[in-house]
Amino acid sequence: MTNDIDMTNKRIIQLITNELDLIGISRRSMGFNYLVEGIYMSLDGPIPKLCEQIAKKYKKSEPSVERAMQSAINRAWNSTD
């Protein structure tokens, strides 16, 4: 049962990754990983202080996580159709 859940979670993360690729967010940016994590965490509903939770997981500051996410989105916005 646990193996099925792990496979399902991996598949969901792969789908999120593919969608971010499609909209032009580079996998090489750290913001990409934070966005994948944030989207995955938010699947069940809104998460209060999402950037704070992601920052704790990656042992980074909340402003650096938020800045990296914004930077990844802005680069995709400016460089793709």
C-alpha atoms as a PDB file:
ATOM      1  CA  MET A   1       0.000   0.000   0.000  1.00  0.00           C
ATOM      2  CA  THR A   2       2.777   2.451   0.911  1.00  0.00           C
ATOM      3  CA  ASN A   3       4.562   1.694  -2.351  1.00  0.00           C
ATOM      4  CA  ASP A   4       1.388   2.599  -4.280  1.00  0.00           C
ATOM      5  CA  ILE A   5       1.165   5.909  -2.423  1.00  0.00           C
ATOM      6  CA  ASP A   6       4.837   6.647  -3.140  1.00  0.00           C
ATOM      7  CA  MET A   7       4.307   5.914  -6.837  1.00  0.00           C
ATOM      8  CA  THR A   8       1.211   8.122  -6.918  1.00  0.00           C
ATOM      9  CA  ASN A   9       3.093  10.982  -5.228  1.00  0.00           C
ATOM     10  CA  LYS A  10       5.987  10.635  -7.669  1.00  0.00           C
ATOM     11  CA  ARG A  11       3.550  10.678 -10.582  1.00  0.00           C
ATOM     12  CA  ILE A  12       1.866  13.831  -9.278  1.00  0.00           C
ATOM     13  CA  ILE A  13       5.233  15.557  -8.885  1.00  0.00           C
ATOM     14  CA  GLN A  14       6.164  14.489 -12.424  1.00  0.00           C
ATOM     15  CA  LEU A  15       2.915  15.980 -13.768  1.00  0.00           C
ATOM     16  CA  ILE A  16       3.576  19.261 -11.934  1.00  0.00           C
ATOM     17  CA  THR A  17       7.118  19.311 -13.305  1.00  0.00           C
ATOM     18  CA  ASN A  18       5.877  18.724 -16.855  1.00  0.00           C
ATOM     19  CA  GLU A  19       3.348  21.548 -16.595  1.00  0.00           C
ATOM     20  CA  LEU A  20       5.968  23.997 -15.307  1.00  0.00           C
ATOM     21  CA  ASP A  21       8.210  22.963 -18.210  1.00  0.00           C
ATOM     22  CA  LEU A  22       5.376  23.654 -20.644  1.00  0.00           C
ATOM     23  CA  ILE A  23       4.926  27.198 -19.398  1.00  0.00           C
ATOM     24  CA  GLY A  24       8.645  27.863 -19.677  1.00  0.00           C
ATOM     25  CA  ILE A  25       9.930  27.729 -16.117  1.00  0.00           C
ATOM     26  CA  SER A  26      13.499  26.466 -16.201  1.00  0.00           C
ATOM     27  CA  ARG A  27      14.296  23.298 -14.257  1.00  0.00           C
ATOM     28  CA  ARG A  28      17.734  24.725 -13.503  1.00  0.00           C
ATOM     29  CA  SER A  29      16.413  27.520 -11.311  1.00  0.00           C
ATOM     30  CA  MET A  30      16.002  26.867  -7.609  1.00  0.00           C
ATOM     31  CA  GLY A  31      12.642  28.590  -7.826  1.00  0.00           C
ATOM     32  CA  PHE A  32      11.475  25.675  -9.961  1.00  0.00           C
ATOM     33  CA  ASN A  33      11.933  23.232  -7.073  1.00  0.00           C
ATOM     34  CA  TYR A  34      10.188  25.585  -4.672  1.00  0.00           C
ATOM     35  CA  LEU A  35       7.271  25.993  -7.096  1.00  0.00           C
ATOM     36  CA  VAL A  36       6.916  22.222  -7.508  1.00  0.00           C
ATOM     37  CA  GLU A  37       6.934  21.822  -3.737  1.00  0.00           C
ATOM     38  CA  GLY A  38       4.440  24.649  -3.232  1.00  0.00           C
ATOM     39  CA  ILE A  39       2.017  23.360  -5.844  1.00  0.00           C
ATOM     40  CA  TYR A  40       2.243  19.833  -4.462  1.00  0.00           C
ATOM     41  CA  MET A  41       1.627  21.058  -0.899  1.00  0.00           C
ATOM     42  CA  SER A  42      -1.358  23.131  -2.054  1.00  0.00           C
ATOM     43  CA  LEU A  43      -3.209  20.334  -3.829  1.00  0.00           C
ATOM     44  CA  ASP A  44      -5.498  19.730  -0.856  1.00  0.00           C
ATOM     45  CA  GLY A  45      -6.245  23.415  -0.405  1.00  0.00           C
ATOM     46  CA  PRO A  46      -4.664  26.710   0.597  1.00  0.00           C
ATOM     47  CA  ILE A  47      -1.640  26.497   2.869  1.00  0.00           C
ATOM     48  CA  PRO A  48      -1.041  29.363   5.295  1.00  0.00           C
ATOM     49  CA  LYS A  49       2.522  30.699   5.179  1.00  0.00           C
ATOM     50  CA  LEU A  50       3.492  28.445   2.281  1.00  0.00           C
ATOM     51  CA  CYS A  51       6.861  30.117   1.639  1.00  0.00           C
ATOM     52  CA  GLU A  52       7.716  29.761   5.328  1.00  0.00           C
ATOM     53  CA  GLN A  53       7.040  26.023   5.228  1.00  0.00           C
ATOM     54  CA  ILE A  54       9.078  25.551   2.046  1.00  0.00           C
ATOM     55  CA  ALA A  55      11.916  27.608   3.547  1.00  0.00           C
ATOM     56  CA  LYS A  56      12.014  25.365   6.617  1.00  0.00           C
ATOM     57  CA  LYS A  57      12.134  22.238   4.466  1.00  0.00           C
ATOM     58  CA  TYR A  58      15.042  23.529   2.358  1.00  0.00           C
ATOM     59  CA  LYS A  59      16.742  25.326   5.289  1.00  0.00           C
ATOM     60  CA  LYS A  60      16.578  28.708   3.551  1.00  0.00           C
ATOM     61  CA  SER A  61      15.157  32.064   4.543  1.00  0.00           C
ATOM     62  CA  GLU A  62      11.563  32.826   3.653  1.00  0.00           C
ATOM     63  CA  PRO A  63      12.472  35.911   1.570  1.00  0.00           C
ATOM     64  CA  SER A  64      15.013  33.939  -0.484  1.00  0.00           C
ATOM     65  CA  VAL A  65      12.423  31.244  -1.262  1.00  0.00           C
ATOM     66  CA  GLU A  66       9.838  33.825  -2.262  1.00  0.00           C
ATOM     67  CA  ARG A  67      12.370  35.734  -4.373  1.00  0.00           C
ATOM     68  CA  ALA A  68      13.507  32.556  -6.163  1.00  0.00           C
ATOM     69  CA  MET A  69       9.908  31.610  -6.959  1.00  0.00           C
ATOM     70  CA  GLN A  70       9.118  35.095  -8.258  1.00  0.00           C
ATOM     71  CA  SER A  71      12.309  35.159 -10.301  1.00  0.00           C
ATOM     72  CA  ALA A  72      11.507  31.813 -11.963  1.00  0.00           C
ATOM     73  CA  ILE A  73       7.995  32.998 -12.822  1.00  0.00           C
ATOM     74  CA  ASN A  74       9.210  36.370 -14.108  1.00  0.00           C
ATOM     75  CA  ARG A  75      11.851  34.754 -16.339  1.00  0.00           C
ATOM     76  CA  ALA A  76       9.232  32.461 -17.864  1.00  0.00           C
ATOM     77  CA  TRP A  77       6.811  35.353 -18.280  1.00  0.00           C
ATOM     78  CA  ASN A  78       9.388  37.506 -20.060  1.00  0.00           C
ATOM     79  CA  SER A  79      10.971  34.829 -22.232  1.00  0.00           C
ATOM     80  CA  THR A  80       8.052  32.734 -23.479  1.00  0.00           C
ATOM     81  CA  ASP A  81       4.879  33.264 -25.426  1.00  0.00           C
END
